[in-house]
């Protein structure tokens, strides 16, 4: 089974993904490749694979990328190799941007949302993101949802103080999916 988690910036995607990985220890995380700088605390091969723009370009030319996107002058993408475990019947969880998630047809795609954009603004501000970057990100997230939102059949509301409720809804959805059991 492939579970795809998407949603706007600061909607709780990473936190929810970590909770699911803890709940289902056999599940593996799909790790994206990026050309952006590593942030403090991020670990190569755990959070992302960090490569140069030249390396990323070569991966594209060599046909190694399943999909990719250019955002804020950095590339983000997923190599074909990252999804190989699916062919062996392994369960994967993949946190990916909305535009890339909308393309997934053979997966359980979960769109994580919040009650309003002020919540996202507050969460990004707490992370130390500048007002200019927040405005840019919210504009892009809104445009992505306007363009791709109709593709998402399952929308999970992650309200302030109700993270466990959102996680429990997702666990119930996973249990109800008619596929091999996730453990």
C-alpha atoms as a PDB file:
ATOM      1  CA  UNK A   1       0.000   0.000   0.000  1.00  0.00           C
ATOM      2  CA  UNK A   2       1.141   3.520  -0.800  1.00  0.00           C
ATOM      3  CA  UNK A   3      -0.164   6.274   1.460  1.00  0.00           C
ATOM      4  CA  UNK A   4       0.353   9.799   0.147  1.00  0.00           C
ATOM      5  CA  UNK A   5       0.096  12.722   2.560  1.00  0.00           C
ATOM      6  CA  UNK A   6      -0.251  16.234   1.216  1.00  0.00           C
ATOM      7  CA  UNK A   7      -1.610  19.630   2.179  1.00  0.00           C
ATOM      8  CA  UNK A   8      -0.559  23.224   2.651  1.00  0.00           C
ATOM      9  CA  UNK A   9       2.615  24.242   4.469  1.00  0.00           C
ATOM     10  CA  UNK A  10       2.368  23.840   8.256  1.00  0.00           C
ATOM     11  CA  UNK A  11      -0.814  21.761   8.096  1.00  0.00           C
ATOM     12  CA  UNK A  12       0.800  18.991  10.165  1.00  0.00           C
ATOM     13  CA  UNK A  13       1.869  16.598   7.402  1.00  0.00           C
ATOM     14  CA  UNK A  14       5.219  15.678   8.938  1.00  0.00           C
ATOM     15  CA  UNK A  15       3.812  15.258  12.442  1.00  0.00           C
ATOM     16  CA  UNK A  16       1.031  13.011  11.157  1.00  0.00           C
ATOM     17  CA  UNK A  17       3.472  11.019   9.041  1.00  0.00           C
ATOM     18  CA  UNK A  18       5.734  10.451  12.052  1.00  0.00           C
ATOM     19  CA  UNK A  19       2.754   9.255  14.112  1.00  0.00           C
ATOM     20  CA  UNK A  20       1.773   6.780  11.377  1.00  0.00           C
ATOM     21  CA  UNK A  21       5.339   5.481  11.104  1.00  0.00           C
ATOM     22  CA  UNK A  22       5.321   4.920  14.857  1.00  0.00           C
ATOM     23  CA  UNK A  23       1.922   3.163  14.721  1.00  0.00           C
ATOM     24  CA  UNK A  24       2.945   0.993  11.747  1.00  0.00           C
ATOM     25  CA  UNK A  25       6.621   0.053  12.224  1.00  0.00           C
ATOM     26  CA  UNK A  26       6.716  -2.016   9.009  1.00  0.00           C
ATOM     27  CA  UNK A  27       5.805   1.041   6.936  1.00  0.00           C
ATOM     28  CA  UNK A  28       8.690   2.820   5.220  1.00  0.00           C
ATOM     29  CA  UNK A  29       8.955   6.490   4.392  1.00  0.00           C
ATOM     30  CA  UNK A  30       9.553   7.612   0.819  1.00  0.00           C
ATOM     31  CA  UNK A  31      12.385  10.128   0.959  1.00  0.00           C
ATOM     32  CA  UNK A  32      12.405  12.976  -1.540  1.00  0.00           C
ATOM     33  CA  UNK A  33      15.484  14.456  -3.153  1.00  0.00           C
ATOM     34  CA  UNK A  34      16.041  18.220  -3.089  1.00  0.00           C
ATOM     35  CA  UNK A  35      18.532  20.844  -4.167  1.00  0.00           C
ATOM     36  CA  UNK A  36      17.718  23.184  -1.291  1.00  0.00           C
ATOM     37  CA  UNK A  37      20.105  23.724   1.594  1.00  0.00           C
ATOM     38  CA  UNK A  38      19.857  21.393   4.558  1.00  0.00           C
ATOM     39  CA  UNK A  39      18.097  23.040   7.513  1.00  0.00           C
ATOM     40  CA  UNK A  40      19.399  22.716  11.092  1.00  0.00           C
ATOM     41  CA  UNK A  41      18.520  19.302  12.492  1.00  0.00           C
ATOM     42  CA  UNK A  42      17.784  17.683   9.141  1.00  0.00           C
ATOM     43  CA  UNK A  43      19.545  14.414   8.406  1.00  0.00           C
ATOM     44  CA  UNK A  44      20.741  13.271   4.973  1.00  0.00           C
ATOM     45  CA  UNK A  45      18.836  10.173   3.893  1.00  0.00           C
ATOM     46  CA  UNK A  46      16.239  10.558   6.656  1.00  0.00           C
ATOM     47  CA  UNK A  47      14.587  13.903   5.915  1.00  0.00           C
ATOM     48  CA  UNK A  48      15.721  14.337   2.306  1.00  0.00           C
ATOM     49  CA  UNK A  49      18.509  13.376  -0.028  1.00  0.00           C
ATOM     50  CA  UNK A  50      20.367  16.656  -0.550  1.00  0.00           C
ATOM     51  CA  UNK A  51      22.031  17.073  -3.950  1.00  0.00           C
ATOM     52  CA  UNK A  52      23.372  19.902  -6.107  1.00  0.00           C
ATOM     53  CA  UNK A  53      21.354  21.322  -8.990  1.00  0.00           C
ATOM     54  CA  UNK A  54      23.842  19.713 -11.400  1.00  0.00           C
ATOM     55  CA  UNK A  55      23.324  16.321  -9.749  1.00  0.00           C
ATOM     56  CA  UNK A  56      19.540  16.739  -9.890  1.00  0.00           C
ATOM     57  CA  UNK A  57      19.707  17.732 -13.582  1.00  0.00           C
ATOM     58  CA  UNK A  58      21.770  14.612 -14.278  1.00  0.00           C
ATOM     59  CA  UNK A  59      19.248  12.432 -12.434  1.00  0.00           C
ATOM     60  CA  UNK A  60      16.506  13.857 -14.686  1.00  0.00           C
ATOM     61  CA  UNK A  61      18.571  13.248 -17.832  1.00  0.00           C
ATOM     62  CA  UNK A  62      19.329   9.693 -16.695  1.00  0.00           C
ATOM     63  CA  UNK A  63      15.610   8.972 -16.254  1.00  0.00           C
ATOM     64  CA  UNK A  64      15.968   8.344 -12.511  1.00  0.00           C
ATOM     65  CA  UNK A  65      13.242  10.751 -11.385  1.00  0.00           C
ATOM     66  CA  UNK A  66       9.657   9.561 -11.058  1.00  0.00           C
ATOM     67  CA  UNK A  67       8.477  13.133 -10.650  1.00  0.00           C
ATOM     68  CA  UNK A  68       9.856  16.522  -9.670  1.00  0.00           C
ATOM     69  CA  UNK A  69       8.929  20.163  -9.258  1.00  0.00           C
ATOM     70  CA  UNK A  70      10.809  23.458  -9.179  1.00  0.00           C
ATOM     71  CA  UNK A  71       9.769  25.555  -6.184  1.00  0.00           C
ATOM     72  CA  UNK A  72      11.481  28.755  -5.021  1.00  0.00           C
ATOM     73  CA  UNK A  73      14.521  28.041  -7.216  1.00  0.00           C
ATOM     74  CA  UNK A  74      14.991  24.573  -5.728  1.00  0.00           C
ATOM     75  CA  UNK A  75      14.057  21.192  -7.135  1.00  0.00           C
ATOM     76  CA  UNK A  76      12.124  18.613  -5.131  1.00  0.00           C
ATOM     77  CA  UNK A  77      11.428  15.163  -6.484  1.00  0.00           C
ATOM     78  CA  UNK A  78      11.236  11.442  -5.977  1.00  0.00           C
ATOM     79  CA  UNK A  79      13.448   8.864  -7.602  1.00  0.00           C
ATOM     80  CA  UNK A  80      11.914   5.753  -9.131  1.00  0.00           C
ATOM     81  CA  UNK A  81      14.102   3.730  -6.780  1.00  0.00           C
ATOM     82  CA  UNK A  82      12.271   5.128  -3.726  1.00  0.00           C
ATOM     83  CA  UNK A  83       9.054   3.364  -4.785  1.00  0.00           C
ATOM     84  CA  UNK A  84      10.713   0.006  -5.565  1.00  0.00           C
ATOM     85  CA  UNK A  85       9.624  -1.506  -2.212  1.00  0.00           C
ATOM     86  CA  UNK A  86       6.017  -1.401  -3.492  1.00  0.00           C
ATOM     87  CA  UNK A  87       6.896  -4.110  -6.011  1.00  0.00           C
ATOM     88  CA  UNK A  88       7.874  -6.337  -3.069  1.00  0.00           C
ATOM     89  CA  UNK A  89       4.554  -5.712  -1.328  1.00  0.00           C
ATOM     90  CA  UNK A  90       5.969  -3.315   1.262  1.00  0.00           C
ATOM     91  CA  UNK A  91       3.917  -0.428   2.672  1.00  0.00           C
ATOM     92  CA  UNK A  92       5.140   3.093   1.997  1.00  0.00           C
ATOM     93  CA  UNK A  93       4.181   6.543   3.209  1.00  0.00           C
ATOM     94  CA  UNK A  94       5.033   9.545   1.061  1.00  0.00           C
ATOM     95  CA  UNK A  95       4.741  13.204   2.070  1.00  0.00           C
ATOM     96  CA  UNK A  96       4.626  15.221  -1.099  1.00  0.00           C
ATOM     97  CA  UNK A  97       3.541  18.610  -2.408  1.00  0.00           C
ATOM     98  CA  UNK A  98      -0.079  19.025  -3.514  1.00  0.00           C
ATOM     99  CA  UNK A  99       0.670  19.324  -7.239  1.00  0.00           C
ATOM    100  CA  UNK A 100       2.637  16.063  -7.153  1.00  0.00           C
ATOM    101  CA  UNK A 101       0.110  14.231  -4.933  1.00  0.00           C
ATOM    102  CA  UNK A 102      -2.722  15.053  -7.323  1.00  0.00           C
ATOM    103  CA  UNK A 103      -1.052  12.828  -9.941  1.00  0.00           C
ATOM    104  CA  UNK A 104      -1.196   9.703  -7.752  1.00  0.00           C
ATOM    105  CA  UNK A 105      -3.984   7.357  -8.798  1.00  0.00           C
ATOM    106  CA  UNK A 106      -2.880   4.047  -7.257  1.00  0.00           C
ATOM    107  CA  UNK A 107      -2.511   5.275  -3.701  1.00  0.00           C
ATOM    108  CA  UNK A 108      -4.456   6.274  -0.624  1.00  0.00           C
ATOM    109  CA  UNK A 109      -4.108  10.063  -0.905  1.00  0.00           C
ATOM    110  CA  UNK A 110      -4.839  12.113   2.220  1.00  0.00           C
ATOM    111  CA  UNK A 111      -5.086  15.896   2.031  1.00  0.00           C
ATOM    112  CA  UNK A 112      -4.339  17.437   5.453  1.00  0.00           C
ATOM    113  CA  UNK A 113      -6.128  20.754   5.890  1.00  0.00           C
ATOM    114  CA  UNK A 114      -6.714  23.323   8.628  1.00  0.00           C
ATOM    115  CA  UNK A 115      -9.837  25.386   9.456  1.00  0.00           C
ATOM    116  CA  UNK A 116      -8.413  28.625   8.043  1.00  0.00           C
ATOM    117  CA  UNK A 117      -5.305  30.257   6.594  1.00  0.00           C
ATOM    118  CA  UNK A 118      -4.658  32.214   9.806  1.00  0.00           C
ATOM    119  CA  UNK A 119      -3.735  28.901  11.482  1.00  0.00           C
ATOM    120  CA  UNK A 120      -1.128  28.242   8.788  1.00  0.00           C
ATOM    121  CA  UNK A 121       0.216  31.800   9.071  1.00  0.00           C
ATOM    122  CA  UNK A 122       0.565  31.427  12.853  1.00  0.00           C
ATOM    123  CA  UNK A 123       2.325  28.055  12.551  1.00  0.00           C
ATOM    124  CA  UNK A 124       4.780  29.330   9.927  1.00  0.00           C
ATOM    125  CA  UNK A 125       5.479  32.458  11.967  1.00  0.00           C
ATOM    126  CA  UNK A 126       6.279  30.195  14.940  1.00  0.00           C
ATOM    127  CA  UNK A 127       8.871  28.447  12.721  1.00  0.00           C
ATOM    128  CA  UNK A 128      10.584  31.777  12.097  1.00  0.00           C
ATOM    129  CA  UNK A 129       9.505  32.108   8.471  1.00  0.00           C
ATOM    130  CA  UNK A 130       9.439  35.692   7.177  1.00  0.00           C
ATOM    131  CA  UNK A 131       6.148  37.398   6.343  1.00  0.00           C
ATOM    132  CA  UNK A 132       7.224  37.618   2.693  1.00  0.00           C
ATOM    133  CA  UNK A 133       7.891  33.854   2.496  1.00  0.00           C
ATOM    134  CA  UNK A 134       4.642  33.090   4.341  1.00  0.00           C
ATOM    135  CA  UNK A 135       2.659  35.216   1.897  1.00  0.00           C
ATOM    136  CA  UNK A 136       4.383  33.505  -1.054  1.00  0.00           C
ATOM    137  CA  UNK A 137       3.770  30.024   0.362  1.00  0.00           C
ATOM    138  CA  UNK A 138       0.112  30.640   1.241  1.00  0.00           C
ATOM    139  CA  UNK A 139      -0.503  32.063  -2.237  1.00  0.00           C
ATOM    140  CA  UNK A 140       1.041  28.974  -3.834  1.00  0.00           C
ATOM    141  CA  UNK A 141      -0.819  26.573  -1.527  1.00  0.00           C
ATOM    142  CA  UNK A 142      -4.141  28.277  -2.321  1.00  0.00           C
ATOM    143  CA  UNK A 143      -3.428  28.151  -6.066  1.00  0.00           C
ATOM    144  CA  UNK A 144      -2.487  24.458  -5.814  1.00  0.00           C
ATOM    145  CA  UNK A 145      -5.682  23.607  -3.960  1.00  0.00           C
ATOM    146  CA  UNK A 146      -7.786  25.642  -6.401  1.00  0.00           C
ATOM    147  CA  UNK A 147      -6.178  23.730  -9.271  1.00  0.00           C
ATOM    148  CA  UNK A 148      -5.910  20.216  -7.783  1.00  0.00           C
ATOM    149  CA  UNK A 149      -8.311  20.143  -4.817  1.00  0.00           C
ATOM    150  CA  UNK A 150     -11.040  18.285  -6.693  1.00  0.00           C
ATOM    151  CA  UNK A 151      -8.603  15.345  -7.082  1.00  0.00           C
ATOM    152  CA  UNK A 152      -8.582  14.712  -3.323  1.00  0.00           C
ATOM    153  CA  UNK A 153     -11.343  12.428  -2.099  1.00  0.00           C
ATOM    154  CA  UNK A 154     -10.149  12.303   1.530  1.00  0.00           C
ATOM    155  CA  UNK A 155      -9.595  15.571   3.372  1.00  0.00           C
ATOM    156  CA  UNK A 156      -8.534  15.398   7.020  1.00  0.00           C
ATOM    157  CA  UNK A 157      -9.038  18.515   9.125  1.00  0.00           C
ATOM    158  CA  UNK A 158      -6.125  19.070  11.532  1.00  0.00           C
ATOM    159  CA  UNK A 159      -7.541  21.590  13.972  1.00  0.00           C
ATOM    160  CA  UNK A 160      -5.522  23.298  16.699  1.00  0.00           C
ATOM    161  CA  UNK A 161      -5.287  21.014  19.721  1.00  0.00           C
ATOM    162  CA  UNK A 162      -6.934  18.085  17.903  1.00  0.00           C
ATOM    163  CA  UNK A 163      -3.947  16.370  16.286  1.00  0.00           C
ATOM    164  CA  UNK A 164      -4.739  12.988  17.883  1.00  0.00           C
ATOM    165  CA  UNK A 165      -8.260  13.177  16.477  1.00  0.00           C
ATOM    166  CA  UNK A 166      -6.877  13.703  12.951  1.00  0.00           C
ATOM    167  CA  UNK A 167      -4.398  10.836  13.376  1.00  0.00           C
ATOM    168  CA  UNK A 168      -7.133   8.496  14.647  1.00  0.00           C
ATOM    169  CA  UNK A 169      -9.318   9.330  11.622  1.00  0.00           C
ATOM    170  CA  UNK A 170      -6.433   8.393   9.333  1.00  0.00           C
ATOM    171  CA  UNK A 171      -5.783   5.133  11.201  1.00  0.00           C
ATOM    172  CA  UNK A 172      -9.458   4.211  10.771  1.00  0.00           C
ATOM    173  CA  UNK A 173      -9.268   5.005   7.048  1.00  0.00           C
ATOM    174  CA  UNK A 174      -6.147   2.832   6.675  1.00  0.00           C
ATOM    175  CA  UNK A 175      -7.879  -0.057   8.459  1.00  0.00           C
ATOM    176  CA  UNK A 176     -10.902   0.256   6.158  1.00  0.00           C
ATOM    177  CA  UNK A 177      -8.902   0.194   2.899  1.00  0.00           C
ATOM    178  CA  UNK A 178      -9.395  -3.150   1.107  1.00  0.00           C
ATOM    179  CA  UNK A 179      -5.705  -3.957   0.665  1.00  0.00           C
ATOM    180  CA  UNK A 180      -3.152  -6.142   2.458  1.00  0.00           C
ATOM    181  CA  UNK A 181      -3.013  -5.339   6.163  1.00  0.00           C
ATOM    182  CA  UNK A 182      -0.658  -2.600   7.285  1.00  0.00           C
ATOM    183  CA  UNK A 183       1.270  -3.571  10.418  1.00  0.00           C
END
